[in-house]
Amino acid sequence: MRYARVAVGGRAVWGRVGATEVELLSGSPIDGKPRVTGAVRRETAVWLPPVVPPVFYAVGMNYPRHIAHAGVPVPERPEVGYRANNALTGHGSPIVKPAGVEGRFEAEPELVAVIGRSLRHAGREEARAAVFGWTIGNDVSARAWQHQDRTFWRSKNSDTFKPMGPWIETDVDALAQTTTLRVNGAERASFPTGDMVFDPFDFLVEITRHITVHPGDVLWMGAEATCRIEPGDTVEVGISGIGVLSNPVQLEGNQP
C-alpha cells in the first residue's frame, strides 16, 4: 500500500495512492484505520512530505564506497544524528539554493524508514516490525557551509534541503532494491540500496537503548554517492519498488 499527504483546499490530508487517484483519508494510517472521504486525480495532486516526523533521525557514512571516498574510518557501531523539520519539502516542490551558497551544492539519494509504533529497548525483530513503511529522501548539502560551521545547522537544515516522498510504501523489501540518482534525466549514480554498514534495524536497536522512538519518526539511511546540482536542474531519486522523488532546483529569489 502507498500512503501520502497532499494539499487539499490549503490543508494537509492523508491519502491512499492508487494508479489514477489518491483516495483522501479521514486521518493518519500510521495511527489507525481511517475512512475514505473523497479522491483527487493523481496527476493533479499537490504532494507534501509524506509524514512530518516528531523526530527526524539521520545516518551519515553508512555505505562503504562513500566512507572510502571520504577517507574516514568505517564506523564500529551505529550512531545517529538529527535534522530539522523545516528542511522538509515534498515531491515536485523546488529545492532552493540560498544566494550565499558557494562551492559544492550536492544531492544525496537516501532510503527513509518511517516508524509505526513506539519502541524502547527493542530487539532486532521488534525493530523490523516497528517500521510502518519506506519512502525516499534527498539529503541536499551545502559543502562550504558544512566545513565552515561547528554544526550542520545550515549546510544540512536550510529550508527545502530535505525533499522527501512522494509517498510511503508499506509492502516492499526495501533493502533488496536499487537506488538511482538522475539529474536532468542523466544517471549520476546507482547502487544496491541495502549495501549498508548497518541496516535500519541495527540503528533502531541502538537508538532505543537510550531514546524512545515514536510513530511517525523517520530514519534517513545515508547514501553511497553524491553529485553536484545547480539552479535549473531537475533532480530525481528513485528506489525500485518504492517510487521516484523529483524536485527542480532554483536559486533563492527566483522561485515563484
Protein backbone atom coordinates (compact mmCIF):
# COMPACT_ATOMS: atom_id res chain seq x y z
CA MET A 1 0.00 0.00 0.00
CA ARG A 2 1.11 3.54 -0.71
CA TYR A 3 0.19 6.43 1.59
CA ALA A 4 0.87 10.12 1.03
CA ARG A 5 -0.02 13.57 2.27
CA VAL A 6 -1.47 16.00 -0.25
CA ALA A 7 -2.64 19.60 -0.09
CA VAL A 8 -6.40 19.99 -0.48
CA GLY A 9 -8.02 23.37 -0.04
CA GLY A 10 -4.98 24.71 1.76
CA ARG A 11 -4.77 21.90 4.30
CA ALA A 12 -2.76 18.68 4.55
CA VAL A 13 -4.76 15.49 4.01
CA TRP A 14 -3.61 11.89 4.17
CA GLY A 15 -4.28 9.80 1.08
CA ARG A 16 -4.04 6.27 -0.27
CA VAL A 17 -2.31 6.30 -3.65
CA GLY A 18 -3.75 4.29 -6.50
CA ALA A 19 -2.93 4.05 -10.19
CA THR A 20 -5.02 7.09 -11.19
CA GLU A 21 -6.37 8.60 -7.97
CA VAL A 22 -5.36 9.49 -4.45
CA GLU A 23 -8.17 8.47 -2.08
CA LEU A 24 -8.45 11.06 0.67
CA LEU A 25 -8.49 9.70 4.20
CA SER A 26 -10.02 10.92 7.46
CA GLY A 27 -6.74 10.62 9.36
CA SER A 28 -3.29 9.07 9.51
CA PRO A 29 -2.93 5.38 8.59
CA ILE A 30 0.00 5.24 11.00
CA ASP A 31 -2.39 5.89 13.88
CA GLY A 32 -5.28 3.67 12.84
CA LYS A 33 -7.62 2.72 10.00
CA PRO A 34 -9.05 5.96 8.58
CA ARG A 35 -12.06 6.02 6.29
CA VAL A 36 -12.09 7.27 2.71
CA THR A 37 -13.63 10.75 2.40
CA GLY A 38 -13.05 11.60 -1.28
CA ALA A 39 -10.44 11.50 -4.01
CA VAL A 40 -8.24 13.67 -6.23
CA ARG A 41 -6.66 12.82 -9.56
CA ARG A 42 -3.11 11.66 -9.12
CA GLU A 43 -1.75 13.89 -11.89
CA THR A 44 -3.18 17.00 -10.20
CA ALA A 45 -2.16 16.10 -6.64
CA VAL A 46 -0.01 18.59 -4.74
CA TRP A 47 2.41 16.36 -2.85
CA LEU A 48 3.57 17.19 0.66
CA PRO A 49 6.25 15.39 2.67
CA PRO A 50 4.54 12.05 3.39
CA VAL A 51 4.98 12.50 7.11
CA VAL A 52 6.03 15.32 9.44
CA PRO A 53 8.14 13.43 11.97
CA PRO A 54 8.12 14.04 15.71
CA VAL A 55 11.87 13.32 15.49
CA PHE A 56 13.96 13.39 12.30
CA TYR A 57 16.88 10.94 12.63
CA ALA A 58 19.65 10.84 10.02
CA VAL A 59 22.55 8.47 9.43
CA GLY A 60 25.90 9.51 7.98
CA MET A 61 28.74 7.49 6.46
CA ASN A 62 26.82 4.24 6.17
CA TYR A 63 27.91 2.97 2.72
CA PRO A 64 31.40 1.52 2.14
CA ARG A 65 32.12 3.48 -1.06
CA HIS A 66 31.09 6.79 0.50
CA ILE A 67 33.29 6.05 3.52
CA ALA A 68 36.26 5.20 1.29
CA HIS A 69 35.75 8.36 -0.78
CA ALA A 70 35.66 10.49 2.36
CA GLY A 71 38.77 8.80 3.75
CA VAL A 72 37.27 8.21 7.18
CA PRO A 73 37.26 5.04 9.31
CA VAL A 74 34.45 2.53 8.94
CA PRO A 75 32.01 3.06 11.83
CA GLU A 76 32.29 0.47 14.58
CA ARG A 77 28.72 0.94 15.80
CA PRO A 78 25.52 2.56 14.51
CA GLU A 79 25.41 6.22 15.57
CA VAL A 80 22.66 8.59 14.51
CA GLY A 81 22.26 12.34 14.13
CA TYR A 82 19.32 14.70 13.73
CA ARG A 83 17.88 17.01 11.08
CA ALA A 84 15.30 19.81 11.21
CA ASN A 85 11.70 19.53 10.01
CA ASN A 86 11.82 22.99 8.43
CA ALA A 87 14.14 21.50 5.78
CA LEU A 88 11.45 19.06 4.57
CA THR A 89 9.69 19.63 1.27
CA GLY A 90 7.56 17.41 -0.95
CA HIS A 91 7.80 15.75 -4.33
CA GLY A 92 7.66 18.32 -7.13
CA SER A 93 8.48 21.28 -4.90
CA PRO A 94 11.65 23.28 -5.56
CA ILE A 95 14.98 22.85 -3.81
CA VAL A 96 16.01 26.46 -3.20
CA LYS A 97 19.74 27.18 -3.30
CA PRO A 98 20.46 30.11 -0.96
CA ALA A 99 22.07 33.08 -2.67
CA GLY A 100 25.02 32.93 -0.27
CA VAL A 101 25.99 29.34 -1.07
CA GLU A 102 29.31 28.93 -2.87
CA GLY A 103 31.17 25.78 -3.86
CA ARG A 104 29.71 22.30 -3.97
CA PHE A 105 25.92 22.09 -3.69
CA GLU A 106 25.08 18.40 -3.73
CA ALA A 107 22.30 15.82 -3.73
CA GLU A 108 22.46 12.51 -1.84
CA PRO A 109 19.89 9.75 -2.53
CA GLU A 110 18.63 8.03 0.62
CA LEU A 111 16.25 5.33 1.79
CA VAL A 112 13.97 6.51 4.62
CA ALA A 113 12.31 4.28 7.23
CA VAL A 114 9.02 5.54 8.68
CA ILE A 115 8.32 4.27 12.20
CA GLY A 116 4.85 2.95 13.01
CA ARG A 117 4.94 2.20 16.73
CA SER A 118 6.70 3.27 19.92
CA LEU A 119 9.89 1.39 20.77
CA ARG A 120 12.25 1.28 23.74
CA HIS A 121 14.94 -1.36 24.32
CA ALA A 122 13.93 -3.06 21.07
CA GLY A 123 15.32 -6.31 19.79
CA ARG A 124 16.03 -6.71 16.11
CA GLU A 125 12.70 -8.36 15.24
CA GLU A 126 10.80 -5.74 17.23
CA ALA A 127 12.64 -3.06 15.29
CA ARG A 128 11.75 -4.72 11.98
CA ALA A 129 8.08 -4.97 12.97
CA ALA A 130 8.01 -1.31 14.02
CA VAL A 131 8.74 0.04 10.52
CA PHE A 132 5.43 1.21 9.04
CA GLY A 133 6.89 1.69 5.57
CA TRP A 134 9.56 3.24 3.40
CA THR A 135 9.97 6.47 1.49
CA ILE A 136 12.72 8.35 -0.36
CA GLY A 137 14.89 11.27 0.72
CA ASN A 138 17.31 13.64 -0.98
CA ASP A 139 19.92 14.89 1.50
CA VAL A 140 20.84 18.22 -0.08
CA SER A 141 24.08 19.65 1.32
CA ALA A 142 26.00 22.93 1.02
CA ARG A 143 29.56 21.67 1.49
CA ALA A 144 31.31 25.00 2.11
CA TRP A 145 28.91 25.74 4.95
CA GLN A 146 29.39 22.18 6.21
CA HIS A 147 33.14 22.84 6.60
CA GLN A 148 32.78 26.37 7.93
CA ASP A 149 30.33 25.70 10.77
CA ARG A 150 30.77 23.77 14.01
CA THR A 151 27.45 22.00 13.35
CA PHE A 152 25.33 21.17 10.30
CA TRP A 153 22.76 23.83 11.24
CA ARG A 154 22.60 25.49 7.79
CA SER A 155 24.53 23.15 5.49
CA LYS A 156 22.02 20.34 6.02
CA ASN A 157 18.99 22.07 7.54
CA SER A 158 18.23 25.14 5.43
CA ASP A 159 14.69 25.38 4.11
CA THR A 160 13.94 22.85 1.29
CA PHE A 161 17.24 20.95 1.81
CA LYS A 162 15.42 17.69 2.63
CA PRO A 163 12.94 16.66 -0.09
CA MET A 164 11.05 13.52 0.97
CA GLY A 165 8.40 11.45 -0.78
CA PRO A 166 6.44 11.06 -2.88
CA TRP A 167 4.71 8.51 -0.64
CA ILE A 168 5.25 5.76 1.94
CA GLU A 169 5.35 2.24 0.51
CA THR A 170 4.33 -0.39 3.09
CA ASP A 171 4.77 -3.55 1.02
CA VAL A 172 8.38 -3.77 -0.18
CA ASP A 173 11.64 -5.40 0.85
CA ALA A 174 13.43 -2.05 0.86
CA LEU A 175 16.91 -3.45 1.37
CA ALA A 176 16.65 -5.61 -1.77
CA GLN A 177 16.10 -2.62 -4.08
CA THR A 178 18.31 -0.36 -6.21
CA THR A 179 18.77 3.36 -5.60
CA THR A 180 19.33 5.63 -8.61
CA LEU A 181 20.18 9.33 -8.81
CA ARG A 182 19.45 11.26 -12.03
CA VAL A 183 19.99 14.91 -12.92
CA ASN A 184 18.12 16.24 -15.97
CA GLY A 185 17.40 12.64 -16.97
CA ALA A 186 21.05 11.53 -16.92
CA GLU A 187 22.03 8.84 -14.45
CA ARG A 188 24.67 10.04 -12.00
CA ALA A 189 24.69 7.14 -9.54
CA SER A 190 23.18 3.70 -8.99
CA PHE A 191 23.81 1.32 -6.11
CA PRO A 192 22.24 -1.55 -4.14
CA THR A 193 20.04 0.11 -1.51
CA GLY A 194 20.85 -2.50 1.14
CA ASP A 195 24.66 -2.32 0.75
CA MET A 196 24.98 -0.61 4.15
CA VAL A 197 27.43 -0.97 7.00
CA PHE A 198 24.50 -1.03 9.43
CA ASP A 199 20.89 -1.52 8.35
CA PRO A 200 17.84 0.34 9.71
CA PHE A 201 17.13 -2.32 12.30
CA ASP A 202 20.67 -2.10 13.70
CA PHE A 203 20.11 1.62 14.17
CA LEU A 204 16.71 1.19 15.81
CA VAL A 205 18.13 -1.33 18.28
CA GLU A 206 20.93 1.09 19.17
CA ILE A 207 18.74 4.20 19.33
CA THR A 208 16.14 2.59 21.57
CA ARG A 209 18.71 1.61 24.15
CA HIS A 210 18.66 5.27 25.14
CA ILE A 211 15.78 7.00 23.33
CA THR A 212 12.14 6.11 22.76
CA VAL A 213 11.14 6.29 19.10
CA HIS A 214 7.55 7.16 18.27
CA PRO A 215 5.07 6.63 15.43
CA GLY A 216 5.88 8.97 12.56
CA ASP A 217 9.58 9.31 13.38
CA VAL A 218 11.80 8.94 10.30
CA LEU A 219 15.27 7.46 9.90
CA TRP A 220 17.26 8.51 6.82
CA MET A 221 19.82 5.84 5.99
CA GLY A 222 22.68 7.65 4.22
CA ALA A 223 23.90 7.43 0.63
CA GLU A 224 26.62 5.67 -1.32
CA ALA A 225 27.14 8.52 -3.78
CA THR A 226 26.58 12.25 -4.23
CA CYS A 227 26.53 14.62 -7.18
CA ARG A 228 26.58 18.37 -7.76
CA ILE A 229 23.34 20.15 -8.60
CA GLU A 230 22.68 23.70 -9.75
CA PRO A 231 19.70 26.01 -10.31
CA GLY A 232 17.87 24.93 -13.47
CA ASP A 233 18.46 21.22 -12.80
CA THR A 234 15.79 18.64 -12.04
CA VAL A 235 16.92 16.00 -9.55
CA GLU A 236 15.34 12.55 -9.39
CA VAL A 237 15.96 9.99 -6.66
CA GLY A 238 14.46 6.62 -7.49
CA ILE A 239 14.31 3.47 -5.38
CA SER A 240 12.92 0.44 -7.20
CA GLY A 241 9.79 -0.89 -5.53
CA ILE A 242 9.08 2.47 -3.91
CA GLY A 243 8.98 5.25 -6.50
CA VAL A 244 10.72 8.39 -7.75
CA LEU A 245 11.20 11.65 -5.85
CA SER A 246 11.66 14.55 -8.27
CA ASN A 247 12.47 18.21 -7.48
CA PRO A 248 13.56 21.21 -9.56
CA VAL A 249 16.45 23.33 -8.27
CA GLN A 250 16.01 27.10 -8.10
CA LEU A 251 18.13 30.00 -6.90
CA GLU A 252 16.84 31.92 -3.93
CA GLY A 253 14.77 34.85 -5.13
CA ASN A 254 13.91 33.19 -8.44
CA GLN A 255 11.15 30.86 -7.22
CA PRO A 256 7.50 31.80 -7.90
